[in-house]
Amino acid sequence: MSLKHRLLIAASLLSVTLFTSRAADAAGAAPPPPAVDAGAWVLMDYTTGQILTAGNEHQQRNPASLTKLMTGYVVDRAIDGHRISPDDLVTVGRDAWAKDNPVFNGSSLMFLRAGERVSVRDLSRGLIVDSGNDACVALADYIAGGQPQFVALMNHYAGKLHLQDTHFETVHGLDAPGQHSSAYDLAVLSRAIIHGEPEFYHMYSEKSLTWNGITQKNRNGLLWDSSLNVDGLKTGHTSGAGFNLIASAVDGQRRLIAVVMGASSPQSREEQARKLLHWGQQNFATVQILRDGKKVASGRVWYGDKKQVALGTGQDFWMALPKSEIPYIKARYTLDKGALEAPIAARQRVGEIELYDRETPIAHWPLLTLEAVGKGGVFSRLGDYFRHKDTAATPD
């Protein structure tokens, strides 16, 4: 059989991941997901971004205080851009003071006082742990000069993250006409926060915060769940939104993100997220299939100063797959042309690697040369000419 049709290692995934939408075919082989009692939900694999299960994931819903995830994201972009620093002191304005401010009636607060000076770091903790609407306003005033300008930044970054179901009208998430997001978009945003904010992400796991003599517990009850290693992210609730929760759990080297929107109570949102996380941990593995620069096969080269060239890929690839399907995963490659002929540059595309679950294709990547091959000498090329001619005349 020719190189064009030869199987790579009839692969267990221990040796050989690109995520494509067709990976859903493999995910469909997992045991049925749990029934989720909520308006919308998503379970995402953090490493790959794959959706393992979902319901109404693109339905536009009221995010409530999950809005504060984007508020925090904008703050961290300002820090990354060196426009502010975590140690900057912010003077709290009257618009961020709950006293005599009807906007904040009955809402969650850090309990700031007008005129006090608070660091950006502590305001961020108040935003995350206390879900403080007053902290959101203080940060918006400091970074953008006002809430409308800050909301414009929130929508700018929503566009950059391709959050197509999302539009913000407030910095804190209190009900407002035209404000909406989706379980899918919020999972994408959460993944961006975990990936891009290592200096601040630990705040999402803080269980309490004391400010101005008032101690408040983080409303994410899953932080206390001994059966899960949950380290974030956020809760939200308004009368229009119902009870929302985003929880991220680490299991060994794996991380899953569960989004639950529109649950019936604080206890229910935690139970729905817990079911999703347990199901994902029990039934899926996140596996590295291909490594940048790692040889997966050798190809016969004609007319070159080498007879063989190492073949592989130019990136690391991971995939979340049902544990039950891993023994059935195989990879094969095909060449773009019928043969490899020198000269060949290093990292040159010469074909495609395809990944199969049983006989169903689930992913594909470019097949690259891992080294250069120059032209061979005159006699070597002449010998290859006759051998190649004979090989081409012989059917498989």
Protein backbone atom coordinates (compact mmCIF):
# COMPACT_ATOMS: atom_id res chain seq x y z
CA MET A 1 0.00 0.00 0.00
CA SER A 2 1.32 3.48 -0.86
CA LEU A 3 2.26 6.20 1.62
CA LYS A 4 -0.83 8.13 0.56
CA HIS A 5 -3.18 5.61 2.19
CA ARG A 6 -1.04 4.28 5.02
CA LEU A 7 -2.37 4.54 8.56
CA LEU A 8 -0.36 6.45 11.10
CA ILE A 9 0.05 4.77 14.43
CA ALA A 10 -3.32 3.03 14.84
CA ALA A 11 -3.41 5.45 17.56
CA SER A 12 -4.20 5.37 21.12
CA LEU A 13 -4.45 8.99 22.17
CA LEU A 14 -1.56 8.51 24.54
CA SER A 15 0.81 9.08 21.63
CA VAL A 16 -1.03 11.31 19.39
CA THR A 17 -5.63 17.24 19.00
CA LEU A 18 -7.27 19.85 16.95
CA PHE A 19 -10.73 20.91 17.88
CA THR A 20 -13.24 21.28 15.10
CA SER A 21 -17.02 21.40 15.25
CA ARG A 22 -17.06 17.79 14.07
CA ALA A 23 -15.66 16.78 17.45
CA ALA A 24 -19.29 16.91 18.54
CA ASP A 25 -19.68 13.58 16.74
CA ALA A 26 -17.31 12.02 19.24
CA ALA A 27 -18.91 13.85 22.18
CA GLY A 28 -22.23 12.33 21.15
CA ALA A 29 -20.84 8.91 22.02
CA ALA A 30 -20.65 9.81 25.73
CA PRO A 31 -23.37 8.71 28.17
CA PRO A 32 -26.43 10.98 28.08
CA PRO A 33 -25.94 14.26 29.96
CA PRO A 34 -27.95 14.97 33.09
CA ALA A 35 -31.30 16.70 32.95
CA VAL A 36 -30.76 20.35 33.85
CA ASP A 37 -33.53 22.39 35.49
CA ALA A 38 -32.68 25.88 34.22
CA GLY A 39 -33.46 28.25 31.39
CA ALA A 40 -30.11 27.73 29.66
CA TRP A 41 -26.82 25.98 30.35
CA VAL A 42 -23.42 25.09 28.94
CA LEU A 43 -20.59 22.77 29.94
CA MET A 44 -17.30 23.76 28.28
CA ASP A 45 -13.89 22.12 28.30
CA TYR A 46 -11.48 24.95 29.17
CA THR A 47 -8.42 23.68 27.28
CA THR A 48 -10.12 23.22 23.92
CA GLY A 49 -13.22 25.41 24.18
CA GLN A 50 -15.37 22.43 23.20
CA ILE A 51 -18.98 22.39 24.34
CA LEU A 52 -19.63 19.01 25.97
CA THR A 53 -23.35 19.58 26.51
CA ALA A 54 -25.68 22.56 26.33
CA GLY A 55 -29.31 23.68 26.30
CA ASN A 56 -30.64 26.98 24.88
CA GLU A 57 -27.00 28.07 24.86
CA HIS A 58 -27.53 30.99 22.44
CA GLN A 59 -30.78 32.21 23.98
CA GLN A 60 -30.44 35.87 24.93
CA ARG A 61 -31.10 36.18 28.65
CA ASN A 62 -30.61 38.67 31.44
CA PRO A 63 -27.10 38.07 32.84
CA ALA A 64 -27.70 39.93 36.13
CA SER A 65 -24.43 40.12 38.08
CA LEU A 66 -22.66 37.82 35.63
CA THR A 67 -22.27 41.17 33.85
CA LYS A 68 -19.51 41.86 36.38
CA LEU A 69 -17.31 39.30 34.63
CA MET A 70 -17.01 41.73 31.73
CA THR A 71 -16.55 44.65 34.14
CA GLY A 72 -13.59 42.81 35.65
CA TYR A 73 -12.30 41.87 32.22
CA VAL A 74 -12.24 45.53 31.15
CA VAL A 75 -10.44 46.49 34.37
CA ASP A 76 -7.75 43.90 33.68
CA ARG A 77 -7.34 45.07 30.09
CA ALA A 78 -6.68 48.57 31.47
CA ILE A 79 -4.06 47.12 33.80
CA ASP A 80 -2.48 45.07 30.99
CA GLY A 81 -2.37 48.22 28.85
CA HIS A 82 -0.57 50.08 31.69
CA ARG A 83 -3.31 52.71 31.80
CA ILE A 84 -3.82 51.95 35.48
CA SER A 85 -2.15 49.75 38.09
CA PRO A 86 -3.64 47.49 40.78
CA ASP A 87 -2.15 49.78 43.43
CA ASP A 88 -3.77 52.98 42.11
CA LEU A 89 -5.96 54.64 44.73
CA VAL A 90 -9.49 55.52 43.60
CA THR A 91 -11.49 58.23 45.33
CA VAL A 92 -15.05 56.93 45.67
CA GLY A 93 -17.58 59.36 44.20
CA ARG A 94 -21.10 60.04 45.44
CA ASP A 95 -22.55 58.05 42.53
CA ALA A 96 -20.80 54.95 43.95
CA TRP A 97 -22.18 55.54 47.46
CA ALA A 98 -25.31 53.60 48.34
CA LYS A 99 -26.55 56.24 50.82
CA ASP A 100 -29.59 58.00 49.35
CA ASN A 101 -28.95 56.29 45.98
CA PRO A 102 -32.17 54.54 44.85
CA VAL A 103 -30.35 52.66 42.07
CA PHE A 104 -28.69 50.47 44.71
CA ASN A 105 -31.78 49.75 46.83
CA GLY A 106 -31.75 46.09 47.85
CA SER A 107 -28.75 45.25 45.68
CA SER A 108 -25.38 43.73 46.52
CA LEU A 109 -22.74 46.18 47.74
CA MET A 110 -19.15 46.38 48.93
CA PHE A 111 -20.37 49.16 51.29
CA LEU A 112 -18.04 51.88 50.06
CA ARG A 113 -18.23 55.40 51.45
CA ALA A 114 -18.07 58.57 49.41
CA GLY A 115 -14.64 60.16 49.56
CA GLU A 116 -12.72 57.13 50.81
CA ARG A 117 -9.68 56.05 48.81
CA VAL A 118 -9.59 52.41 47.76
CA SER A 119 -7.06 50.59 45.61
CA VAL A 120 -8.02 49.14 42.24
CA ARG A 121 -7.07 45.73 43.65
CA ASP A 122 -9.49 46.02 46.59
CA LEU A 123 -12.27 47.39 44.39
CA SER A 124 -11.77 44.36 42.12
CA ARG A 125 -12.10 42.08 45.14
CA GLY A 126 -15.27 43.89 46.13
CA LEU A 127 -16.62 43.47 42.61
CA ILE A 128 -15.84 39.73 42.56
CA VAL A 129 -16.36 38.50 46.13
CA ASP A 130 -19.11 40.87 47.32
CA SER A 131 -20.59 41.41 43.84
CA GLY A 132 -20.52 45.07 44.82
CA ASN A 133 -22.45 47.33 42.46
CA ASP A 134 -20.82 50.32 44.15
CA ALA A 135 -17.34 48.90 43.36
CA CYS A 136 -18.33 48.60 39.69
CA VAL A 137 -19.33 52.26 39.54
CA ALA A 138 -16.16 53.43 41.30
CA LEU A 139 -13.99 51.47 38.85
CA ALA A 140 -15.96 52.69 35.84
CA ASP A 141 -15.58 56.32 36.91
CA TYR A 142 -11.84 55.91 37.46
CA ILE A 143 -11.02 54.00 34.26
CA ALA A 144 -13.39 55.59 31.75
CA GLY A 145 -14.59 58.82 33.35
CA GLY A 146 -18.17 57.58 33.76
CA GLN A 147 -20.50 54.64 33.44
CA PRO A 148 -21.66 55.23 29.83
CA GLN A 149 -18.05 55.39 28.62
CA PHE A 150 -17.19 52.21 30.53
CA VAL A 151 -20.22 50.38 29.10
CA ALA A 152 -18.94 51.30 25.64
CA LEU A 153 -15.66 49.58 26.53
CA MET A 154 -17.56 46.51 27.72
CA ASN A 155 -19.36 46.24 24.39
CA HIS A 156 -16.09 46.84 22.54
CA TYR A 157 -14.49 43.85 24.23
CA ALA A 158 -17.64 41.78 23.73
CA GLY A 159 -17.11 42.37 20.02
CA LYS A 160 -13.43 41.44 20.19
CA LEU A 161 -14.34 38.17 21.92
CA HIS A 162 -17.07 37.51 19.28
CA LEU A 163 -19.84 37.43 21.89
CA GLN A 164 -22.63 37.63 19.36
CA ASP A 165 -25.48 37.14 21.85
CA THR A 166 -24.28 39.86 24.22
CA HIS A 167 -24.96 43.56 24.74
CA PHE A 168 -24.40 45.56 27.93
CA GLU A 169 -26.26 48.62 29.21
CA THR A 170 -24.91 48.79 32.79
CA VAL A 171 -21.59 48.22 34.53
CA HIS A 172 -23.12 46.06 37.29
CA GLY A 173 -25.91 43.98 35.75
CA LEU A 174 -28.99 45.45 37.38
CA ASP A 175 -31.98 44.99 35.07
CA ALA A 176 -31.91 47.32 32.07
CA PRO A 177 -33.75 47.18 28.72
CA GLY A 178 -31.51 45.89 25.95
CA GLN A 179 -29.02 44.15 28.24
CA HIS A 180 -28.56 40.47 27.46
CA SER A 181 -26.08 37.64 27.07
CA SER A 182 -26.17 33.87 26.64
CA ALA A 183 -24.82 30.81 28.40
CA TYR A 184 -22.47 30.21 25.48
CA ASP A 185 -21.09 33.76 25.44
CA LEU A 186 -20.57 33.74 29.19
CA ALA A 187 -18.63 30.48 28.95
CA VAL A 188 -16.39 32.06 26.29
CA LEU A 189 -15.89 35.13 28.50
CA SER A 190 -15.09 32.97 31.52
CA ARG A 191 -12.50 31.05 29.52
CA ALA A 192 -10.88 34.34 28.48
CA ILE A 193 -10.78 35.50 32.10
CA ILE A 194 -9.15 32.30 33.35
CA HIS A 195 -6.62 32.33 30.51
CA GLY A 196 -5.80 36.02 30.49
CA GLU A 197 -5.99 37.14 34.12
CA PRO A 198 -3.71 34.88 36.21
CA GLU A 199 -2.85 37.72 38.59
CA PHE A 200 -6.52 38.37 39.39
CA TYR A 201 -8.25 35.04 38.82
CA HIS A 202 -7.45 33.83 42.36
CA MET A 203 -9.91 36.46 43.62
CA TYR A 204 -12.78 34.39 42.22
CA SER A 205 -12.02 31.69 44.80
CA GLU A 206 -11.95 34.01 47.83
CA LYS A 207 -14.67 32.90 50.22
CA SER A 208 -15.23 36.17 52.07
CA LEU A 209 -14.28 39.84 52.19
CA THR A 210 -14.43 42.33 55.03
CA TRP A 211 -14.76 46.03 54.20
CA ASN A 212 -15.69 48.92 56.50
CA GLY A 213 -16.32 46.40 59.27
CA ILE A 214 -18.79 44.33 57.23
CA THR A 215 -17.89 40.73 56.35
CA GLN A 216 -19.67 39.09 53.43
CA LYS A 217 -19.38 35.55 52.13
CA ASN A 218 -18.93 34.75 48.46
CA ARG A 219 -22.35 33.70 47.11
CA ASN A 220 -20.83 30.84 45.07
CA GLY A 221 -21.61 27.98 47.45
CA LEU A 222 -19.71 25.48 45.30
CA LEU A 223 -16.47 26.95 46.64
CA TRP A 224 -17.24 24.94 49.80
CA ASP A 225 -18.13 21.70 47.96
CA SER A 226 -15.60 19.03 48.97
CA SER A 227 -16.54 16.82 45.99
CA LEU A 228 -15.38 19.43 43.48
CA ASN A 229 -12.33 21.66 43.20
CA VAL A 230 -14.24 24.80 42.22
CA ASP A 231 -12.17 28.00 42.11
CA GLY A 232 -14.63 30.47 40.51
CA LEU A 233 -16.38 32.25 38.94
CA LYS A 234 -19.59 34.17 39.75
CA THR A 235 -23.25 34.21 40.72
CA GLY A 236 -26.01 36.54 39.63
CA HIS A 237 -29.65 37.16 40.43
CA THR A 238 -32.41 39.60 39.67
CA SER A 239 -36.15 39.08 39.52
CA GLY A 240 -35.96 39.18 35.72
CA ALA A 241 -32.94 36.88 35.37
CA GLY A 242 -33.65 34.18 37.93
CA PHE A 243 -30.63 32.58 39.58
CA ASN A 244 -27.43 32.37 37.52
CA LEU A 245 -24.10 30.71 38.24
CA ILE A 246 -20.81 30.10 36.47
CA ALA A 247 -18.58 27.53 38.15
CA SER A 248 -15.16 26.34 37.05
CA ALA A 249 -13.70 23.14 38.49
CA VAL A 250 -10.22 21.63 38.19
CA ASP A 251 -9.80 17.86 38.05
CA GLY A 252 -6.11 16.97 37.82
CA GLN A 253 -4.84 18.74 34.70
CA ARG A 254 -8.35 19.31 33.37
CA ARG A 255 -10.68 22.27 33.86
CA LEU A 256 -14.39 22.47 33.07
CA ILE A 257 -16.64 25.55 33.00
CA ALA A 258 -20.36 25.19 33.80
CA VAL A 259 -22.84 28.01 33.11
CA VAL A 260 -26.37 27.85 34.50
CA MET A 261 -28.88 30.64 33.78
CA GLY A 262 -32.44 31.03 35.00
CA ALA A 263 -32.48 28.46 37.81
CA SER A 264 -35.23 28.62 40.40
CA SER A 265 -33.16 29.21 43.56
CA PRO A 266 -29.59 29.57 44.84
CA GLN A 267 -29.60 25.90 45.81
CA SER A 268 -30.92 24.81 42.42
CA ARG A 269 -28.31 26.73 40.42
CA GLU A 270 -25.58 25.04 42.46
CA GLU A 271 -27.12 21.60 42.04
CA GLN A 272 -27.45 22.01 38.26
CA ALA A 273 -23.83 23.17 37.94
CA ARG A 274 -22.67 20.34 40.19
CA LYS A 275 -24.44 17.77 38.00
CA LEU A 276 -22.84 19.16 34.86
CA LEU A 277 -19.34 19.25 36.33
CA HIS A 278 -19.55 15.72 37.75
CA TRP A 279 -20.85 14.37 34.43
CA GLY A 280 -18.03 16.01 32.50
CA GLN A 281 -15.35 14.83 34.90
CA GLN A 282 -16.62 11.26 34.93
CA ASN A 283 -17.13 10.82 31.20
CA PHE A 284 -14.55 12.95 29.34
CA ALA A 285 -10.79 13.19 29.12
CA THR A 286 -8.86 16.16 27.73
CA VAL A 287 -5.96 14.65 25.82
CA GLN A 288 -3.03 16.01 23.89
CA ILE A 289 -3.08 14.32 20.50
CA LEU A 290 -0.30 16.10 18.62
CA ARG A 291 2.78 18.00 19.76
CA ASP A 292 4.50 20.80 17.93
CA GLY A 293 7.53 19.34 16.16
CA LYS A 294 6.93 15.75 17.30
CA LYS A 295 7.38 13.16 14.58
CA VAL A 296 4.28 11.13 13.77
CA ALA A 297 5.57 9.38 10.63
CA SER A 298 8.33 9.30 8.02
CA GLY A 299 7.75 9.97 4.34
CA ARG A 300 9.72 8.63 1.38
CA VAL A 301 11.42 11.48 -0.50
CA TRP A 302 12.40 11.27 -4.15
CA TYR A 303 15.37 13.07 -5.73
CA GLY A 304 16.68 14.31 -2.39
CA ASP A 305 19.84 14.18 -0.33
CA LYS A 306 17.78 12.17 2.16
CA LYS A 307 15.51 9.24 1.44
CA GLN A 308 13.15 9.91 4.37
CA VAL A 309 11.69 13.06 5.94
CA ALA A 310 10.10 13.34 9.39
CA LEU A 311 6.44 14.39 9.25
CA GLY A 312 4.35 15.99 11.99
CA THR A 313 2.50 19.16 12.83
CA GLY A 314 3.41 22.71 13.76
CA GLN A 315 1.20 23.17 16.81
CA ASP A 316 0.08 21.48 19.99
CA PHE A 317 -3.43 20.08 19.64
CA TRP A 318 -5.78 18.97 22.39
CA MET A 319 -9.24 17.46 22.33
CA ALA A 320 -11.89 16.56 24.90
CA LEU A 321 -13.22 13.09 24.09
CA PRO A 322 -15.48 10.56 25.80
CA LYS A 323 -13.31 8.23 27.83
CA SER A 324 -15.18 5.27 26.35
CA GLU A 325 -14.14 6.26 22.82
CA ILE A 326 -10.42 6.72 23.37
CA PRO A 327 -9.50 3.12 22.39
CA TYR A 328 -11.27 3.62 19.05
CA ILE A 329 -9.51 6.83 18.04
CA LYS A 330 -7.23 6.47 15.04
CA ALA A 331 -5.33 8.88 12.83
CA ARG A 332 -4.28 8.62 9.20
CA TYR A 333 -2.64 10.97 6.79
CA THR A 334 -2.85 11.73 3.11
CA LEU A 335 -0.45 13.66 0.91
CA ASP A 336 -1.51 16.66 -1.13
CA LYS A 337 0.37 15.12 -4.05
CA GLY A 338 1.09 11.49 -4.81
CA ALA A 339 4.73 11.68 -3.72
CA LEU A 340 7.24 13.87 -1.90
CA GLU A 341 9.91 15.31 -4.19
CA ALA A 342 12.96 17.34 -3.17
CA PRO A 343 13.71 20.09 -2.52
CA ILE A 344 11.40 20.38 0.48
CA ALA A 345 11.53 23.17 3.07
CA ALA A 346 11.17 22.58 6.78
CA ARG A 347 7.62 23.20 8.06
CA GLN A 348 6.20 22.90 4.56
CA ARG A 349 2.65 21.63 4.25
CA VAL A 350 2.63 18.36 2.34
CA GLY A 351 -0.70 16.83 3.34
CA GLU A 352 -3.33 16.43 6.01
CA ILE A 353 -3.71 14.42 9.19
CA GLU A 354 -7.24 13.18 9.85
CA LEU A 355 -8.56 11.89 13.17
CA TYR A 356 -11.27 9.25 13.25
CA ASP A 357 -13.55 7.93 15.97
CA ARG A 358 -14.12 4.44 14.61
CA GLU A 359 -14.92 5.40 10.99
CA THR A 360 -16.26 8.89 11.67
CA PRO A 361 -13.86 11.78 10.91
CA ILE A 362 -13.80 14.22 13.84
CA ALA A 363 -10.78 16.50 13.24
CA HIS A 364 -8.05 17.34 10.77
CA TRP A 365 -4.78 19.31 10.70
CA PRO A 366 -2.06 20.22 8.19
CA LEU A 367 0.70 17.61 7.83
CA LEU A 368 4.10 19.34 7.78
CA THR A 369 7.69 18.37 7.14
CA LEU A 370 9.79 18.74 10.28
CA GLU A 371 13.08 19.14 8.44
CA ALA A 372 14.39 20.38 5.10
CA VAL A 373 15.48 18.05 2.31
CA GLY A 374 17.81 19.36 -0.38
CA LYS A 375 18.34 18.04 -3.89
CA GLY A 376 20.37 14.89 -4.18
CA GLY A 377 23.39 14.42 -6.39
CA VAL A 378 23.12 13.60 -10.10
CA PHE A 379 23.52 9.83 -9.73
CA SER A 380 21.21 9.70 -6.72
CA ARG A 381 18.51 11.57 -8.63
CA LEU A 382 18.99 9.38 -11.68
CA GLY A 383 18.58 6.25 -9.57
CA ASP A 384 15.44 7.69 -7.98
CA TYR A 385 14.07 8.50 -11.42
CA PHE A 386 14.07 4.85 -12.47
CA ARG A 387 12.92 3.56 -9.08
CA HIS A 388 10.10 6.11 -8.93
CA LYS A 389 9.06 5.26 -12.47
CA ASP A 390 8.89 1.57 -11.57
CA THR A 391 6.97 2.29 -8.36
CA ALA A 392 4.45 4.48 -10.19
CA ALA A 393 3.86 1.72 -12.74
CA THR A 394 3.14 -0.86 -10.02
CA PRO A 395 -0.43 -0.80 -8.77
CA ASP A 396 -1.17 -0.89 -5.03
